[in-house]
């Protein structure tokens, strides 16, 4: 299923859904990011892997034929950079604004009780 954000820009597609099995509740979506979105962000695509980002369901605005997020491309990029410290910006200007300096805010999985 395709994932789009503000202005209808395609961010990627849903690769996985993370579920809290105890509560029968969807917690987050794992989104495989498109090459076009990576290029728009000025980020180097990982060579051997796919760029993925975990998006909490609180960031989902609507679901129909596509998942619509409440995020702009810049907000989506911040989540991507925070989640994947090995992805480096392609230009110094982008590095100043979006350089990942810590793993704070990176999604973590906790076992449900």
C-alpha atoms as a PDB file:
ATOM      1  CA  UNK A   1       0.000   0.000   0.000  1.00  0.00           C
ATOM      2  CA  UNK A   2       1.364   3.396  -0.997  1.00  0.00           C
ATOM      3  CA  UNK A   3       2.212   6.015   1.673  1.00  0.00           C
ATOM      4  CA  UNK A   4       1.774   9.710   0.846  1.00  0.00           C
ATOM      5  CA  UNK A   5       2.275  12.903   2.808  1.00  0.00           C
ATOM      6  CA  UNK A   6       1.534  16.590   2.608  1.00  0.00           C
ATOM      7  CA  UNK A   7       0.771  17.783  -0.899  1.00  0.00           C
ATOM      8  CA  UNK A   8       0.254  14.228  -2.129  1.00  0.00           C
ATOM      9  CA  UNK A   9       3.982  13.465  -2.360  1.00  0.00           C
ATOM     10  CA  UNK A  10       4.659   9.715  -2.392  1.00  0.00           C
ATOM     11  CA  UNK A  11       6.974   8.758   0.481  1.00  0.00           C
ATOM     12  CA  UNK A  12       7.024   5.000  -0.013  1.00  0.00           C
ATOM     13  CA  UNK A  13       4.991   1.896   0.659  1.00  0.00           C
ATOM     14  CA  UNK A  14       4.022  -0.089   3.732  1.00  0.00           C
ATOM     15  CA  UNK A  15       6.452  -2.984   4.226  1.00  0.00           C
ATOM     16  CA  UNK A  16       5.315  -4.164   7.658  1.00  0.00           C
ATOM     17  CA  UNK A  17       2.754  -3.421  10.330  1.00  0.00           C
ATOM     18  CA  UNK A  18       3.775  -3.540  13.991  1.00  0.00           C
ATOM     19  CA  UNK A  19       0.971  -4.769  16.231  1.00  0.00           C
ATOM     20  CA  UNK A  20       0.561  -4.892  20.004  1.00  0.00           C
ATOM     21  CA  UNK A  21      -0.760  -8.456  20.114  1.00  0.00           C
ATOM     22  CA  UNK A  22      -2.018  -8.142  23.688  1.00  0.00           C
ATOM     23  CA  UNK A  23      -4.182  -5.131  22.893  1.00  0.00           C
ATOM     24  CA  UNK A  24      -4.985  -6.110  19.290  1.00  0.00           C
ATOM     25  CA  UNK A  25      -3.865  -2.653  18.232  1.00  0.00           C
ATOM     26  CA  UNK A  26      -1.738  -1.426  15.337  1.00  0.00           C
ATOM     27  CA  UNK A  27       1.199   0.500  16.828  1.00  0.00           C
ATOM     28  CA  UNK A  28       3.156   1.596  13.757  1.00  0.00           C
ATOM     29  CA  UNK A  29       3.878   1.127  10.073  1.00  0.00           C
ATOM     30  CA  UNK A  30       7.267   0.271   8.617  1.00  0.00           C
ATOM     31  CA  UNK A  31       7.566   2.295   5.412  1.00  0.00           C
ATOM     32  CA  UNK A  32      10.017   1.458   2.623  1.00  0.00           C
ATOM     33  CA  UNK A  33      11.073   4.852   1.302  1.00  0.00           C
ATOM     34  CA  UNK A  34      11.050   5.508  -2.458  1.00  0.00           C
ATOM     35  CA  UNK A  35      14.162   6.623  -4.319  1.00  0.00           C
ATOM     36  CA  UNK A  36      12.327   9.814  -5.349  1.00  0.00           C
ATOM     37  CA  UNK A  37      11.614  10.734  -1.711  1.00  0.00           C
ATOM     38  CA  UNK A  38      15.235  10.039  -0.758  1.00  0.00           C
ATOM     39  CA  UNK A  39      16.419  12.264  -3.621  1.00  0.00           C
ATOM     40  CA  UNK A  40      13.995  15.048  -2.616  1.00  0.00           C
ATOM     41  CA  UNK A  41      15.490  14.946   0.888  1.00  0.00           C
ATOM     42  CA  UNK A  42      19.063  15.097  -0.404  1.00  0.00           C
ATOM     43  CA  UNK A  43      19.986  11.842   1.320  1.00  0.00           C
ATOM     44  CA  UNK A  44      22.256   9.112   0.008  1.00  0.00           C
ATOM     45  CA  UNK A  45      20.346   5.864  -0.424  1.00  0.00           C
ATOM     46  CA  UNK A  46      21.855   2.900   1.437  1.00  0.00           C
ATOM     47  CA  UNK A  47      23.715   0.780  -1.122  1.00  0.00           C
ATOM     48  CA  UNK A  48      22.804  -2.769  -0.051  1.00  0.00           C
ATOM     49  CA  UNK A  49      19.597  -2.144   1.874  1.00  0.00           C
ATOM     50  CA  UNK A  50      16.318  -0.350   1.506  1.00  0.00           C
ATOM     51  CA  UNK A  51      15.720   2.826   3.477  1.00  0.00           C
ATOM     52  CA  UNK A  52      12.916   2.186   5.941  1.00  0.00           C
ATOM     53  CA  UNK A  53      11.324   4.259   8.668  1.00  0.00           C
ATOM     54  CA  UNK A  54       8.879   3.363  11.422  1.00  0.00           C
ATOM     55  CA  UNK A  55       5.881   5.696  11.523  1.00  0.00           C
ATOM     56  CA  UNK A  56       3.553   5.624  14.551  1.00  0.00           C
ATOM     57  CA  UNK A  57      -0.154   5.403  13.778  1.00  0.00           C
ATOM     58  CA  UNK A  58      -0.597   8.797  15.455  1.00  0.00           C
ATOM     59  CA  UNK A  59       1.054  10.286  12.333  1.00  0.00           C
ATOM     60  CA  UNK A  60      -1.565   8.698  10.040  1.00  0.00           C
ATOM     61  CA  UNK A  61      -4.250  11.101   8.843  1.00  0.00           C
ATOM     62  CA  UNK A  62      -6.335   8.697   6.751  1.00  0.00           C
ATOM     63  CA  UNK A  63      -6.336   5.259   5.146  1.00  0.00           C
ATOM     64  CA  UNK A  64      -8.111   4.327   1.920  1.00  0.00           C
ATOM     65  CA  UNK A  65      -6.368   3.005  -1.186  1.00  0.00           C
ATOM     66  CA  UNK A  66      -3.303   4.777   0.221  1.00  0.00           C
ATOM     67  CA  UNK A  67      -2.032   5.716   3.675  1.00  0.00           C
ATOM     68  CA  UNK A  68      -2.033   9.507   4.101  1.00  0.00           C
ATOM     69  CA  UNK A  69       0.382  10.878   6.699  1.00  0.00           C
ATOM     70  CA  UNK A  70       0.175  14.184   8.583  1.00  0.00           C
ATOM     71  CA  UNK A  71       3.858  14.735   7.822  1.00  0.00           C
ATOM     72  CA  UNK A  72       5.553  17.051   5.369  1.00  0.00           C
ATOM     73  CA  UNK A  73       8.530  15.754   3.389  1.00  0.00           C
ATOM     74  CA  UNK A  74      10.856  17.535   5.844  1.00  0.00           C
ATOM     75  CA  UNK A  75       9.190  15.966   8.909  1.00  0.00           C
ATOM     76  CA  UNK A  76       9.312  12.568   7.219  1.00  0.00           C
ATOM     77  CA  UNK A  77      13.010  13.110   6.444  1.00  0.00           C
ATOM     78  CA  UNK A  78      13.742  13.961  10.090  1.00  0.00           C
ATOM     79  CA  UNK A  79      12.183  10.658  11.170  1.00  0.00           C
ATOM     80  CA  UNK A  80      14.159   8.815   8.524  1.00  0.00           C
ATOM     81  CA  UNK A  81      17.465  10.390   9.559  1.00  0.00           C
ATOM     82  CA  UNK A  82      16.781   9.811  13.247  1.00  0.00           C
ATOM     83  CA  UNK A  83      15.883   6.171  12.649  1.00  0.00           C
ATOM     84  CA  UNK A  84      18.819   5.432  10.362  1.00  0.00           C
ATOM     85  CA  UNK A  85      22.034   7.000  11.578  1.00  0.00           C
ATOM     86  CA  UNK A  86      24.007   5.425   8.738  1.00  0.00           C
ATOM     87  CA  UNK A  87      22.183   7.497   6.094  1.00  0.00           C
ATOM     88  CA  UNK A  88      24.262  10.590   5.384  1.00  0.00           C
ATOM     89  CA  UNK A  89      23.041  13.845   3.810  1.00  0.00           C
ATOM     90  CA  UNK A  90      24.487  14.560   0.368  1.00  0.00           C
ATOM     91  CA  UNK A  91      25.247  18.238   0.894  1.00  0.00           C
ATOM     92  CA  UNK A  92      26.652  20.307   3.773  1.00  0.00           C
ATOM     93  CA  UNK A  93      23.539  22.521   3.777  1.00  0.00           C
ATOM     94  CA  UNK A  94      21.320  19.484   4.326  1.00  0.00           C
ATOM     95  CA  UNK A  95      23.727  18.115   6.924  1.00  0.00           C
ATOM     96  CA  UNK A  96      23.361  21.242   9.071  1.00  0.00           C
ATOM     97  CA  UNK A  97      19.585  21.003   9.125  1.00  0.00           C
ATOM     98  CA  UNK A  98      19.064  17.249   9.343  1.00  0.00           C
ATOM     99  CA  UNK A  99      22.270  15.576  10.506  1.00  0.00           C
ATOM    100  CA  UNK A 100      21.537  12.725  12.887  1.00  0.00           C
ATOM    101  CA  UNK A 101      23.558  13.361  16.039  1.00  0.00           C
ATOM    102  CA  UNK A 102      21.964  10.852  18.367  1.00  0.00           C
ATOM    103  CA  UNK A 103      19.528   7.997  18.386  1.00  0.00           C
ATOM    104  CA  UNK A 104      17.038   9.916  20.568  1.00  0.00           C
ATOM    105  CA  UNK A 105      13.577   9.574  19.149  1.00  0.00           C
ATOM    106  CA  UNK A 106      14.460   6.438  17.201  1.00  0.00           C
ATOM    107  CA  UNK A 107      11.608   3.946  17.325  1.00  0.00           C
ATOM    108  CA  UNK A 108      12.077   1.069  19.719  1.00  0.00           C
ATOM    109  CA  UNK A 109      10.150  -2.133  20.066  1.00  0.00           C
ATOM    110  CA  UNK A 110       9.036  -3.198  23.515  1.00  0.00           C
ATOM    111  CA  UNK A 111       7.456  -6.526  24.310  1.00  0.00           C
ATOM    112  CA  UNK A 112       3.802  -6.300  25.200  1.00  0.00           C
ATOM    113  CA  UNK A 113       2.648  -7.740  28.501  1.00  0.00           C
END
